[in-house]
Amino acid sequence: MVDYSDGSTFSTASGRDLHYVVLQVTLKEKFMGTGSGNLTELEAVINDQAAKGYRLHTITTSNGGSKGLMGGDRIQATMVFERL
């Protein structure tokens, strides 16, 4: 069973020197209104990879479903980074 209690999760797999790195960030929609409540975490992941010498090559999103009653939807953002 997946635990969605955390607002966002992301991989730290890019610790090795690879030509391409694939990371996934789970964004939680705001309960009230529209948009993601944790876009700063997505921004931090992108900037962290840029600091390591990677550029964002591709990003895709998919709906991860709802947490349930009183919970916002989850959006999975899968990003491919390429070493410069």
PDB file of N, CA and C in Angstrom:
ATOM      1  N   MET A   1       0.847  -1.184   0.000  1.00  0.00           N
ATOM      2  CA  MET A   1       0.000   0.000   0.000  1.00  0.00           C
ATOM      3  C   MET A   1       0.889   1.244   0.000  1.00  0.00           C
ATOM      4  N   VAL A   2       0.578   2.195  -0.836  1.00  0.00           N
ATOM      5  CA  VAL A   2       1.352   3.413  -0.958  1.00  0.00           C
ATOM      6  C   VAL A   2       0.947   4.394   0.138  1.00  0.00           C
ATOM      7  N   ASP A   3       1.933   5.024   0.768  1.00  0.00           N
ATOM      8  CA  ASP A   3       1.674   5.999   1.814  1.00  0.00           C
ATOM      9  C   ASP A   3       1.739   7.398   1.212  1.00  0.00           C
ATOM     10  N   TYR A   4       0.596   8.078   1.140  1.00  0.00           N
ATOM     11  CA  TYR A   4       0.543   9.412   0.562  1.00  0.00           C
ATOM     12  C   TYR A   4       0.511  10.497   1.632  1.00  0.00           C
ATOM     13  N   SER A   5       0.956  10.184   2.836  1.00  0.00           N
ATOM     14  CA  SER A   5       0.887  11.174   3.909  1.00  0.00           C
ATOM     15  C   SER A   5       1.865  12.319   3.690  1.00  0.00           C
ATOM     16  N   ASP A   6       2.948  12.061   2.977  1.00  0.00           N
ATOM     17  CA  ASP A   6       3.911  13.111   2.672  1.00  0.00           C
ATOM     18  C   ASP A   6       3.413  13.918   1.484  1.00  0.00           C
ATOM     19  N   GLY A   7       3.621  15.232   1.512  1.00  0.00           N
ATOM     20  CA  GLY A   7       3.162  16.086   0.429  1.00  0.00           C
ATOM     21  C   GLY A   7       3.880  15.843  -0.876  1.00  0.00           C
ATOM     22  N   SER A   8       5.139  15.440  -0.808  1.00  0.00           N
ATOM     23  CA  SER A   8       5.919  15.242  -2.008  1.00  0.00           C
ATOM     24  C   SER A   8       7.035  14.254  -1.733  1.00  0.00           C
ATOM     25  N   THR A   9       7.370  13.472  -2.731  1.00  0.00           N
ATOM     26  CA  THR A   9       8.521  12.585  -2.627  1.00  0.00           C
ATOM     27  C   THR A   9       9.322  12.711  -3.905  1.00  0.00           C
ATOM     28  N   PHE A  10      10.618  12.539  -3.793  1.00  0.00           N
ATOM     29  CA  PHE A  10      11.430  12.553  -4.992  1.00  0.00           C
ATOM     30  C   PHE A  10      12.660  11.698  -4.787  1.00  0.00           C
ATOM     31  N   SER A  11      13.202  11.223  -5.885  1.00  0.00           N
ATOM     32  CA  SER A  11      14.367  10.358  -5.857  1.00  0.00           C
ATOM     33  C   SER A  11      15.640  11.195  -5.778  1.00  0.00           C
ATOM     34  N   THR A  12      16.652  10.651  -5.167  1.00  0.00           N
ATOM     35  CA  THR A  12      17.969  11.300  -5.143  1.00  0.00           C
ATOM     36  C   THR A  12      18.970  10.442  -5.910  1.00  0.00           C
ATOM     37  N   ALA A  13      18.512   9.788  -6.966  1.00  0.00           N
ATOM     38  CA  ALA A  13      19.313   8.823  -7.713  1.00  0.00           C
ATOM     39  C   ALA A  13      20.480   9.443  -8.464  1.00  0.00           C
ATOM     40  N   SER A  14      20.549  10.749  -8.582  1.00  0.00           N
ATOM     41  CA  SER A  14      21.572  11.367  -9.418  1.00  0.00           C
ATOM     42  C   SER A  14      22.891  11.562  -8.684  1.00  0.00           C
ATOM     43  N   GLY A  15      23.119  10.843  -7.614  1.00  0.00           N
ATOM     44  CA  GLY A  15      24.378  10.957  -6.898  1.00  0.00           C
ATOM     45  C   GLY A  15      25.553  10.402  -7.682  1.00  0.00           C
ATOM     46  N   ARG A  16      25.275   9.581  -8.686  1.00  0.00           N
ATOM     47  CA  ARG A  16      26.343   8.992  -9.507  1.00  0.00           C
ATOM     48  C   ARG A  16      26.542   9.813 -10.775  1.00  0.00           C
ATOM     49  N   ASP A  17      27.678   9.619 -11.405  1.00  0.00           N
ATOM     50  CA  ASP A  17      28.010  10.346 -12.627  1.00  0.00           C
ATOM     51  C   ASP A  17      27.423   9.612 -13.827  1.00  0.00           C
ATOM     52  N   LEU A  18      26.197   9.934 -14.196  1.00  0.00           N
ATOM     53  CA  LEU A  18      25.489   9.298 -15.297  1.00  0.00           C
ATOM     54  C   LEU A  18      25.199  10.312 -16.391  1.00  0.00           C
ATOM     55  N   HIS A  19      25.066   9.822 -17.629  1.00  0.00           N
ATOM     56  CA  HIS A  19      24.755  10.732 -18.733  1.00  0.00           C
ATOM     57  C   HIS A  19      23.309  11.227 -18.648  1.00  0.00           C
ATOM     58  N   TYR A  20      22.396  10.345 -18.269  1.00  0.00           N
ATOM     59  CA  TYR A  20      20.998  10.709 -18.088  1.00  0.00           C
ATOM     60  C   TYR A  20      20.545  10.297 -16.690  1.00  0.00           C
ATOM     61  N   VAL A  21      19.657  11.089 -16.105  1.00  0.00           N
ATOM     62  CA  VAL A  21      19.084  10.798 -14.801  1.00  0.00           C
ATOM     63  C   VAL A  21      17.572  10.979 -14.919  1.00  0.00           C
ATOM     64  N   VAL A  22      16.820  10.024 -14.374  1.00  0.00           N
ATOM     65  CA  VAL A  22      15.367  10.115 -14.364  1.00  0.00           C
ATOM     66  C   VAL A  22      14.921  10.281 -12.915  1.00  0.00           C
ATOM     67  N   LEU A  23      14.177  11.334 -12.657  1.00  0.00           N
ATOM     68  CA  LEU A  23      13.662  11.605 -11.319  1.00  0.00           C
ATOM     69  C   LEU A  23      12.158  11.780 -11.390  1.00  0.00           C
ATOM     70  N   GLN A  24      11.496  11.444 -10.303  1.00  0.00           N
ATOM     71  CA  GLN A  24      10.047  11.611 -10.241  1.00  0.00           C
ATOM     72  C   GLN A  24       9.696  12.373  -8.974  1.00  0.00           C
ATOM     73  N   VAL A  25       8.856  13.378  -9.127  1.00  0.00           N
ATOM     74  CA  VAL A  25       8.378  14.177  -8.008  1.00  0.00           C
ATOM     75  C   VAL A  25       6.868  14.025  -7.943  1.00  0.00           C
ATOM     76  N   THR A  26       6.351  13.798  -6.753  1.00  0.00           N
ATOM     77  CA  THR A  26       4.915  13.708  -6.554  1.00  0.00           C
ATOM     78  C   THR A  26       4.422  15.046  -6.025  1.00  0.00           C
ATOM     79  N   LEU A  27       3.578  15.692  -6.811  1.00  0.00           N
ATOM     80  CA  LEU A  27       3.029  16.990  -6.431  1.00  0.00           C
ATOM     81  C   LEU A  27       1.644  16.793  -5.847  1.00  0.00           C
ATOM     82  N   LYS A  28       1.362  17.478  -4.768  1.00  0.00           N
ATOM     83  CA  LYS A  28       0.047  17.407  -4.135  1.00  0.00           C
ATOM     84  C   LYS A  28      -0.727  18.667  -4.482  1.00  0.00           C
ATOM     85  N   GLU A  29      -1.920  18.479  -5.019  1.00  0.00           N
ATOM     86  CA  GLU A  29      -2.773  19.621  -5.333  1.00  0.00           C
ATOM     87  C   GLU A  29      -3.261  20.278  -4.050  1.00  0.00           C
ATOM     88  N   LYS A  30      -3.448  21.581  -4.116  1.00  0.00           N
ATOM     89  CA  LYS A  30      -4.002  22.309  -2.978  1.00  0.00           C
ATOM     90  C   LYS A  30      -5.417  21.821  -2.701  1.00  0.00           C
ATOM     91  N   PHE A  31      -5.790  21.817  -1.430  1.00  0.00           N
ATOM     92  CA  PHE A  31      -7.148  21.426  -1.063  1.00  0.00           C
ATOM     93  C   PHE A  31      -8.154  22.436  -1.598  1.00  0.00           C
ATOM     94  N   MET A  32      -7.847  23.709  -1.439  1.00  0.00           N
ATOM     95  CA  MET A  32      -8.732  24.767  -1.916  1.00  0.00           C
ATOM     96  C   MET A  32      -8.048  25.480  -3.081  1.00  0.00           C
ATOM     97  N   GLY A  33      -8.754  25.715  -4.137  1.00  0.00           N
ATOM     98  CA  GLY A  33      -8.199  26.434  -5.272  1.00  0.00           C
ATOM     99  C   GLY A  33      -7.544  25.482  -6.258  1.00  0.00           C
ATOM    100  N   THR A  34      -6.726  26.061  -7.118  1.00  0.00           N
ATOM    101  CA  THR A  34      -6.063  25.254  -8.130  1.00  0.00           C
ATOM    102  C   THR A  34      -4.565  25.393  -7.993  1.00  0.00           C
ATOM    103  N   GLY A  35      -3.854  24.507  -8.632  1.00  0.00           N
ATOM    104  CA  GLY A  35      -2.403  24.543  -8.614  1.00  0.00           C
ATOM    105  C   GLY A  35      -1.823  23.631  -7.552  1.00  0.00           C
ATOM    106  N   SER A  36      -0.529  23.470  -7.620  1.00  0.00           N
ATOM    107  CA  SER A  36       0.156  22.589  -6.688  1.00  0.00           C
ATOM    108  C   SER A  36       0.573  23.354  -5.451  1.00  0.00           C
ATOM    109  N   GLY A  37       0.493  22.686  -4.325  1.00  0.00           N
ATOM    110  CA  GLY A  37       0.886  23.306  -3.066  1.00  0.00           C
ATOM    111  C   GLY A  37       2.371  23.224  -2.804  1.00  0.00           C
ATOM    112  N   ASN A  38       3.131  22.509  -3.632  1.00  0.00           N
ATOM    113  CA  ASN A  38       4.546  22.347  -3.367  1.00  0.00           C
ATOM    114  C   ASN A  38       5.425  22.488  -4.613  1.00  0.00           C
ATOM    115  N   LEU A  39       5.135  23.479  -5.433  1.00  0.00           N
ATOM    116  CA  LEU A  39       5.950  23.720  -6.624  1.00  0.00           C
ATOM    117  C   LEU A  39       7.379  24.105  -6.278  1.00  0.00           C
ATOM    118  N   THR A  40       7.608  24.639  -5.091  1.00  0.00           N
ATOM    119  CA  THR A  40       8.974  24.990  -4.706  1.00  0.00           C
ATOM    120  C   THR A  40       9.842  23.737  -4.597  1.00  0.00           C
ATOM    121  N   GLU A  41       9.265  22.602  -4.235  1.00  0.00           N
ATOM    122  CA  GLU A  41      10.034  21.359  -4.186  1.00  0.00           C
ATOM    123  C   GLU A  41      10.419  20.905  -5.592  1.00  0.00           C
ATOM    124  N   LEU A  42       9.513  21.042  -6.551  1.00  0.00           N
ATOM    125  CA  LEU A  42       9.823  20.716  -7.940  1.00  0.00           C
ATOM    126  C   LEU A  42      10.931  21.630  -8.445  1.00  0.00           C
ATOM    127  N   GLU A  43      10.817  22.895  -8.146  1.00  0.00           N
ATOM    128  CA  GLU A  43      11.835  23.871  -8.536  1.00  0.00           C
ATOM    129  C   GLU A  43      13.191  23.520  -7.920  1.00  0.00           C
ATOM    130  N   ALA A  44      13.193  23.101  -6.667  1.00  0.00           N
ATOM    131  CA  ALA A  44      14.437  22.738  -5.986  1.00  0.00           C
ATOM    132  C   ALA A  44      15.107  21.538  -6.648  1.00  0.00           C
ATOM    133  N   VAL A  45      14.320  20.545  -7.062  1.00  0.00           N
ATOM    134  CA  VAL A  45      14.877  19.370  -7.729  1.00  0.00           C
ATOM    135  C   VAL A  45      15.522  19.778  -9.047  1.00  0.00           C
ATOM    136  N   ILE A  46      14.850  20.618  -9.826  1.00  0.00           N
ATOM    137  CA  ILE A  46      15.387  21.060 -11.116  1.00  0.00           C
ATOM    138  C   ILE A  46      16.669  21.860 -10.914  1.00  0.00           C
ATOM    139  N   ASN A  47      16.666  22.782  -9.964  1.00  0.00           N
ATOM    140  CA  ASN A  47      17.862  23.592  -9.711  1.00  0.00           C
ATOM    141  C   ASN A  47      19.017  22.762  -9.157  1.00  0.00           C
ATOM    142  N   ASP A  48      18.713  21.752  -8.350  1.00  0.00           N
ATOM    143  CA  ASP A  48      19.750  20.866  -7.817  1.00  0.00           C
ATOM    144  C   ASP A  48      20.435  20.102  -8.941  1.00  0.00           C
ATOM    145  N   GLN A  49      19.656  19.619  -9.897  1.00  0.00           N
ATOM    146  CA  GLN A  49      20.242  18.904 -11.030  1.00  0.00           C
ATOM    147  C   GLN A  49      21.049  19.849 -11.918  1.00  0.00           C
ATOM    148  N   ALA A  50      20.587  21.074 -12.086  1.00  0.00           N
ATOM    149  CA  ALA A  50      21.333  22.062 -12.875  1.00  0.00           C
ATOM    150  C   ALA A  50      22.686  22.341 -12.226  1.00  0.00           C
ATOM    151  N   ALA A  51      22.708  22.414 -10.900  1.00  0.00           N
ATOM    152  CA  ALA A  51      23.962  22.649 -10.180  1.00  0.00           C
ATOM    153  C   ALA A  51      24.934  21.479 -10.350  1.00  0.00           C
ATOM    154  N   LYS A  52      24.416  20.284 -10.615  1.00  0.00           N
ATOM    155  CA  LYS A  52      25.251  19.098 -10.822  1.00  0.00           C
ATOM    156  C   LYS A  52      25.685  18.951 -12.277  1.00  0.00           C
ATOM    157  N   GLY A  53      25.269  19.901 -13.136  1.00  0.00           N
ATOM    158  CA  GLY A  53      25.676  19.867 -14.533  1.00  0.00           C
ATOM    159  C   GLY A  53      24.690  19.181 -15.456  1.00  0.00           C
ATOM    160  N   TYR A  54      23.441  19.068 -15.035  1.00  0.00           N
ATOM    161  CA  TYR A  54      22.403  18.459 -15.867  1.00  0.00           C
ATOM    162  C   TYR A  54      21.434  19.538 -16.339  1.00  0.00           C
ATOM    163  N   ARG A  55      20.790  19.273 -17.477  1.00  0.00           N
ATOM    164  CA  ARG A  55      19.709  20.141 -17.930  1.00  0.00           C
ATOM    165  C   ARG A  55      18.456  19.293 -18.072  1.00  0.00           C
ATOM    166  N   LEU A  56      17.320  19.923 -17.886  1.00  0.00           N
ATOM    167  CA  LEU A  56      16.048  19.222 -18.022  1.00  0.00           C
ATOM    168  C   LEU A  56      15.820  18.928 -19.493  1.00  0.00           C
ATOM    169  N   HIS A  57      15.745  17.667 -19.823  1.00  0.00           N
ATOM    170  CA  HIS A  57      15.564  17.230 -21.204  1.00  0.00           C
ATOM    171  C   HIS A  57      14.085  17.033 -21.515  1.00  0.00           C
ATOM    172  N   THR A  58      13.358  16.335 -20.626  1.00  0.00           N
ATOM    173  CA  THR A  58      11.954  16.005 -20.850  1.00  0.00           C
ATOM    174  C   THR A  58      11.226  15.981 -19.513  1.00  0.00           C
ATOM    175  N   ILE A  59       9.974  16.412 -19.522  1.00  0.00           N
ATOM    176  CA  ILE A  59       9.132  16.287 -18.338  1.00  0.00           C
ATOM    177  C   ILE A  59       7.748  15.821 -18.784  1.00  0.00           C
ATOM    178  N   THR A  60       7.208  14.847 -18.069  1.00  0.00           N
ATOM    179  CA  THR A  60       5.851  14.385 -18.320  1.00  0.00           C
ATOM    180  C   THR A  60       5.111  14.343 -16.994  1.00  0.00           C
ATOM    181  N   THR A  61       3.814  14.452 -17.054  1.00  0.00           N
ATOM    182  CA  THR A  61       3.012  14.388 -15.835  1.00  0.00           C
ATOM    183  C   THR A  61       1.888  13.380 -16.020  1.00  0.00           C
ATOM    184  N   SER A  62       1.466  12.798 -14.911  1.00  0.00           N
ATOM    185  CA  SER A  62       0.308  11.910 -14.914  1.00  0.00           C
ATOM    186  C   SER A  62      -0.429  12.088 -13.598  1.00  0.00           C
ATOM    187  N   ASN A  63      -1.721  11.868 -13.642  1.00  0.00           N
ATOM    188  CA  ASN A  63      -2.539  12.015 -12.449  1.00  0.00           C
ATOM    189  C   ASN A  63      -2.384  10.769 -11.596  1.00  0.00           C
ATOM    190  N   GLY A  64      -1.958  10.966 -10.346  1.00  0.00           N
ATOM    191  CA  GLY A  64      -1.745   9.852  -9.434  1.00  0.00           C
ATOM    192  C   GLY A  64      -2.964   9.512  -8.616  1.00  0.00           C
ATOM    193  N   GLY A  65      -4.074  10.174  -8.821  1.00  0.00           N
ATOM    194  CA  GLY A  65      -5.294   9.886  -8.083  1.00  0.00           C
ATOM    195  C   GLY A  65      -5.414  10.722  -6.836  1.00  0.00           C
ATOM    196  N   SER A  66      -6.526  10.560  -6.169  1.00  0.00           N
ATOM    197  CA  SER A  66      -6.830  11.349  -4.985  1.00  0.00           C
ATOM    198  C   SER A  66      -6.450  10.596  -3.725  1.00  0.00           C
ATOM    199  N   LYS A  67      -6.084  11.351  -2.721  1.00  0.00           N
ATOM    200  CA  LYS A  67      -5.779  10.797  -1.403  1.00  0.00           C
ATOM    201  C   LYS A  67      -7.048  10.304  -0.729  1.00  0.00           C
ATOM    202  N   GLY A  68      -8.161  10.790  -1.167  1.00  0.00           N
ATOM    203  CA  GLY A  68      -9.432  10.406  -0.565  1.00  0.00           C
ATOM    204  C   GLY A  68     -10.207  11.621  -0.118  1.00  0.00           C
ATOM    205  N   LEU A  69     -11.117  11.423   0.796  1.00  0.00           N
ATOM    206  CA  LEU A  69     -11.945  12.497   1.311  1.00  0.00           C
ATOM    207  C   LEU A  69     -11.083  13.609   1.894  1.00  0.00           C
ATOM    208  N   MET A  70     -11.343  14.830   1.489  1.00  0.00           N
ATOM    209  CA  MET A  70     -10.644  16.016   1.973  1.00  0.00           C
ATOM    210  C   MET A  70      -9.183  16.086   1.525  1.00  0.00           C
ATOM    211  N   GLY A  71      -8.791  15.301   0.555  1.00  0.00           N
ATOM    212  CA  GLY A  71      -7.407  15.326   0.086  1.00  0.00           C
ATOM    213  C   GLY A  71      -7.334  15.763  -1.352  1.00  0.00           C
ATOM    214  N   GLY A  72      -6.247  16.406  -1.710  1.00  0.00           N
ATOM    215  CA  GLY A  72      -6.068  16.845  -3.083  1.00  0.00           C
ATOM    216  C   GLY A  72      -5.518  15.728  -3.946  1.00  0.00           C
ATOM    217  N   ASP A  73      -5.604  15.912  -5.251  1.00  0.00           N
ATOM    218  CA  ASP A  73      -5.062  14.941  -6.189  1.00  0.00           C
ATOM    219  C   ASP A  73      -3.543  14.936  -6.123  1.00  0.00           C
ATOM    220  N   ARG A  74      -2.970  13.850  -6.584  1.00  0.00           N
ATOM    221  CA  ARG A  74      -1.523  13.708  -6.704  1.00  0.00           C
ATOM    222  C   ARG A  74      -1.168  13.734  -8.187  1.00  0.00           C
ATOM    223  N   ILE A  75      -0.128  14.460  -8.523  1.00  0.00           N
ATOM    224  CA  ILE A  75       0.359  14.505  -9.897  1.00  0.00           C
ATOM    225  C   ILE A  75       1.806  14.027  -9.876  1.00  0.00           C
ATOM    226  N   GLN A  76       2.108  13.029 -10.696  1.00  0.00           N
ATOM    227  CA  GLN A  76       3.463  12.516 -10.797  1.00  0.00           C
ATOM    228  C   GLN A  76       4.172  13.268 -11.925  1.00  0.00           C
ATOM    229  N   ALA A  77       5.253  13.938 -11.596  1.00  0.00           N
ATOM    230  CA  ALA A  77       6.068  14.609 -12.609  1.00  0.00           C
ATOM    231  C   ALA A  77       7.335  13.786 -12.788  1.00  0.00           C
ATOM    232  N   THR A  78       7.507  13.209 -13.978  1.00  0.00           N
ATOM    233  CA  THR A  78       8.691  12.417 -14.288  1.00  0.00           C
ATOM    234  C   THR A  78       9.584  13.256 -15.187  1.00  0.00           C
ATOM    235  N   MET A  79      10.827  13.437 -14.752  1.00  0.00           N
ATOM    236  CA  MET A  79      11.758  14.309 -15.467  1.00  0.00           C
ATOM    237  C   MET A  79      12.997  13.528 -15.896  1.00  0.00           C
ATOM    238  N   VAL A  80      13.442  13.785 -17.119  1.00  0.00           N
ATOM    239  CA  VAL A  80      14.687  13.225 -17.617  1.00  0.00           C
ATOM    240  C   VAL A  80      15.679  14.377 -17.720  1.00  0.00           C
ATOM    241  N   PHE A  81      16.810  14.220 -17.042  1.00  0.00           N
ATOM    242  CA  PHE A  81      17.879  15.215 -17.081  1.00  0.00           C
ATOM    243  C   PHE A  81      19.042  14.657 -17.883  1.00  0.00           C
ATOM    244  N   GLU A  82      19.696  15.520 -18.654  1.00  0.00           N
ATOM    245  CA  GLU A  82      20.828  15.131 -19.477  1.00  0.00           C
ATOM    246  C   GLU A  82      22.059  15.908 -19.025  1.00  0.00           C
ATOM    247  N   ARG A  83      23.165  15.182 -18.875  1.00  0.00           N
ATOM    248  CA  ARG A  83      24.418  15.838 -18.491  1.00  0.00           C
ATOM    249  C   ARG A  83      24.895  16.717 -19.639  1.00  0.00           C
ATOM    250  N   LEU A  84      25.309  17.917 -19.313  1.00  0.00           N
ATOM    251  CA  LEU A  84      25.806  18.856 -20.333  1.00  0.00           C
ATOM    252  C   LEU A  84      27.228  18.508 -20.730  1.00  0.00           C
TER     253      LEU A  84
END
